Amino acid sequence: MADPEVAARRAELVNAMRRRPGAWTTGQVLRWYRAAGWDVERTRTRSDLAALVKQGVLRTEGPDNNRRYCLTARAADASGAWQLPVPNARKRRP
C-alpha cells in the first residue's frame, strides 16, 4: 500500500480530473501538482499516472510519446461509487 502522502496526492489529482474532464497529459498533471503545492518531478508524476491506470482509475489514449490520460467511467462518477482513500497527509510546500 502506498504511503499516505502518495495516496493523498493521487486522490487530489483524481478529484481535479473530475472537476475538469477530458484528456490530461503528463505535463499538465505535473503543472497541476506544482500549482497545488506538491513538490514532485516528472518521474513521480509518470509513476502516479501509471499506478492509477493499473488501479483502473485512468485509461490511456494515444501513442507512448503523446500519451493522454482520462478518467474511466467508473472513476468519473462523482456520486461516491468510486473513491480513493484520502488519508491525513500534509502537502510539502516549497
C-alpha atoms as a PDB file:
ATOM      1  CA  MET A   1       0.000   0.000   0.000  1.00  0.00           C
ATOM      2  CA  ALA A   2       1.208   3.495  -0.835  1.00  0.00           C
ATOM      3  CA  ASP A   3       2.186   5.872   1.909  1.00  0.00           C
ATOM      4  CA  PRO A   4      -0.386   8.490   2.997  1.00  0.00           C
ATOM      5  CA  GLU A   5       1.263  11.353   1.099  1.00  0.00           C
ATOM      6  CA  VAL A   6       1.212   9.456  -2.200  1.00  0.00           C
ATOM      7  CA  ALA A   7      -2.403   8.379  -1.700  1.00  0.00           C
ATOM      8  CA  ALA A   8      -3.458  11.949  -0.863  1.00  0.00           C
ATOM      9  CA  ARG A   9      -1.664  13.354  -3.906  1.00  0.00           C
ATOM     10  CA  ARG A  10      -3.283  10.822  -6.223  1.00  0.00           C
ATOM     11  CA  ALA A  11      -6.721  11.376  -4.697  1.00  0.00           C
ATOM     12  CA  GLU A  12      -6.415  15.136  -5.222  1.00  0.00           C
ATOM     13  CA  LEU A  13      -5.429  14.540  -8.838  1.00  0.00           C
ATOM     14  CA  VAL A  14      -8.453  12.315  -9.440  1.00  0.00           C
ATOM     15  CA  ASN A  15     -10.734  14.949  -7.908  1.00  0.00           C
ATOM     16  CA  ALA A  16      -9.165  17.637 -10.110  1.00  0.00           C
ATOM     17  CA  MET A  17      -9.709  15.435 -13.162  1.00  0.00           C
ATOM     18  CA  ARG A  18     -13.363  15.027 -12.160  1.00  0.00           C
ATOM     19  CA  ARG A  19     -13.753  18.816 -12.000  1.00  0.00           C
ATOM     20  CA  ARG A  20     -12.071  19.282 -15.393  1.00  0.00           C
ATOM     21  CA  PRO A  21     -12.980  16.258 -17.521  1.00  0.00           C
ATOM     22  CA  GLY A  22     -11.076  15.399 -20.635  1.00  0.00           C
ATOM     23  CA  ALA A  23      -7.622  14.184 -21.536  1.00  0.00           C
ATOM     24  CA  TRP A  24      -4.651  15.251 -19.407  1.00  0.00           C
ATOM     25  CA  THR A  25      -1.027  14.950 -20.494  1.00  0.00           C
ATOM     26  CA  THR A  26       1.846  14.183 -18.133  1.00  0.00           C
ATOM     27  CA  GLY A  27       2.958  17.804 -18.461  1.00  0.00           C
ATOM     28  CA  GLN A  28      -0.467  19.114 -17.489  1.00  0.00           C
ATOM     29  CA  VAL A  29      -0.566  16.827 -14.463  1.00  0.00           C
ATOM     30  CA  LEU A  30       2.929  17.954 -13.444  1.00  0.00           C
ATOM     31  CA  ARG A  31       1.922  21.630 -13.708  1.00  0.00           C
ATOM     32  CA  TRP A  32      -1.244  20.921 -11.720  1.00  0.00           C
ATOM     33  CA  TYR A  33       0.751  19.133  -8.997  1.00  0.00           C
ATOM     34  CA  ARG A  34       3.120  22.072  -8.662  1.00  0.00           C
ATOM     35  CA  ALA A  35       0.289  24.612  -8.632  1.00  0.00           C
ATOM     36  CA  ALA A  36      -1.447  22.556  -5.937  1.00  0.00           C
ATOM     37  CA  GLY A  37       1.697  22.618  -3.791  1.00  0.00           C
ATOM     38  CA  TRP A  38       3.051  19.124  -4.408  1.00  0.00           C
ATOM     39  CA  ASP A  39       6.829  19.084  -4.821  1.00  0.00           C
ATOM     40  CA  VAL A  40       7.187  16.305  -7.407  1.00  0.00           C
ATOM     41  CA  GLU A  41       9.213  15.731 -10.548  1.00  0.00           C
ATOM     42  CA  ARG A  42       8.139  14.327 -13.906  1.00  0.00           C
ATOM     43  CA  THR A  43       9.237  10.793 -12.972  1.00  0.00           C
ATOM     44  CA  ARG A  44       6.993  10.776  -9.887  1.00  0.00           C
ATOM     45  CA  THR A  45       4.131  12.172 -11.990  1.00  0.00           C
ATOM     46  CA  ARG A  46       4.524   9.338 -14.501  1.00  0.00           C
ATOM     47  CA  SER A  47       4.646   6.841 -11.655  1.00  0.00           C
ATOM     48  CA  ASP A  48       1.388   8.196 -10.198  1.00  0.00           C
ATOM     49  CA  LEU A  49      -0.332   8.083 -13.577  1.00  0.00           C
ATOM     50  CA  ALA A  50       0.859   4.516 -14.218  1.00  0.00           C
ATOM     51  CA  ALA A  51      -0.391   3.420 -10.782  1.00  0.00           C
ATOM     52  CA  LEU A  52      -3.809   4.999 -11.403  1.00  0.00           C
ATOM     53  CA  VAL A  53      -4.014   3.229 -14.777  1.00  0.00           C
ATOM     54  CA  LYS A  54      -3.142  -0.070 -13.094  1.00  0.00           C
ATOM     55  CA  GLN A  55      -5.865   0.531 -10.457  1.00  0.00           C
ATOM     56  CA  GLY A  56      -8.414   1.135 -13.222  1.00  0.00           C
ATOM     57  CA  VAL A  57      -8.973   4.784 -12.321  1.00  0.00           C
ATOM     58  CA  LEU A  58      -7.432   6.163 -15.535  1.00  0.00           C
ATOM     59  CA  ARG A  59      -7.213   4.949 -19.102  1.00  0.00           C
ATOM     60  CA  THR A  60      -4.619   5.938 -21.662  1.00  0.00           C
ATOM     61  CA  GLU A  61      -5.068   7.353 -25.134  1.00  0.00           C
ATOM     62  CA  GLY A  62      -2.541   7.901 -27.886  1.00  0.00           C
ATOM     63  CA  PRO A  63       0.992   6.673 -28.558  1.00  0.00           C
ATOM     64  CA  ASP A  64       3.748   6.432 -25.960  1.00  0.00           C
ATOM     65  CA  ASN A  65       5.288   9.746 -26.997  1.00  0.00           C
ATOM     66  CA  ASN A  66       1.968  11.635 -26.829  1.00  0.00           C
ATOM     67  CA  ARG A  67       0.040   9.777 -24.161  1.00  0.00           C
ATOM     68  CA  ARG A  68      -3.044  11.313 -22.614  1.00  0.00           C
ATOM     69  CA  TYR A  69      -4.918  10.140 -19.521  1.00  0.00           C
ATOM     70  CA  CYS A  70      -8.677  10.176 -18.950  1.00  0.00           C
ATOM     71  CA  LEU A  71     -10.808   9.021 -16.061  1.00  0.00           C
ATOM     72  CA  THR A  72     -12.561   5.722 -16.578  1.00  0.00           C
ATOM     73  CA  ALA A  73     -16.347   5.867 -16.473  1.00  0.00           C
ATOM     74  CA  ARG A  74     -16.349   4.304 -13.013  1.00  0.00           C
ATOM     75  CA  ALA A  75     -13.861   6.835 -11.628  1.00  0.00           C
ATOM     76  CA  ALA A  76     -15.599   9.790 -13.274  1.00  0.00           C
ATOM     77  CA  ASP A  77     -18.754   9.070 -11.290  1.00  0.00           C
ATOM     78  CA  ALA A  78     -18.512  11.656  -8.507  1.00  0.00           C
ATOM     79  CA  SER A  79     -21.510  10.223  -6.645  1.00  0.00           C
ATOM     80  CA  GLY A  80     -19.205   8.215  -4.438  1.00  0.00           C
ATOM     81  CA  ALA A  81     -19.342   4.930  -6.316  1.00  0.00           C
ATOM     82  CA  TRP A  82     -15.575   5.118  -6.678  1.00  0.00           C
ATOM     83  CA  GLN A  83     -13.478   6.849  -4.072  1.00  0.00           C
ATOM     84  CA  LEU A  84      -9.765   6.788  -3.434  1.00  0.00           C
ATOM     85  CA  PRO A  85      -8.875   6.864   0.243  1.00  0.00           C
ATOM     86  CA  VAL A  86      -7.755  10.295   1.381  1.00  0.00           C
ATOM     87  CA  PRO A  87      -5.537   9.874   4.408  1.00  0.00           C
ATOM     88  CA  ASN A  88      -4.498  12.713   6.667  1.00  0.00           C
ATOM     89  CA  ALA A  89      -1.341  13.831   4.897  1.00  0.00           C
ATOM     90  CA  ARG A  90       0.207  17.250   4.733  1.00  0.00           C
ATOM     91  CA  LYS A  91       1.471  18.651   1.496  1.00  0.00           C
ATOM     92  CA  ARG A  92       5.090  19.551   1.178  1.00  0.00           C
ATOM     93  CA  ARG A  93       5.107  23.198   0.304  1.00  0.00           C
ATOM     94  CA  PRO A  94       8.263  24.808  -1.065  1.00  0.00           C
END
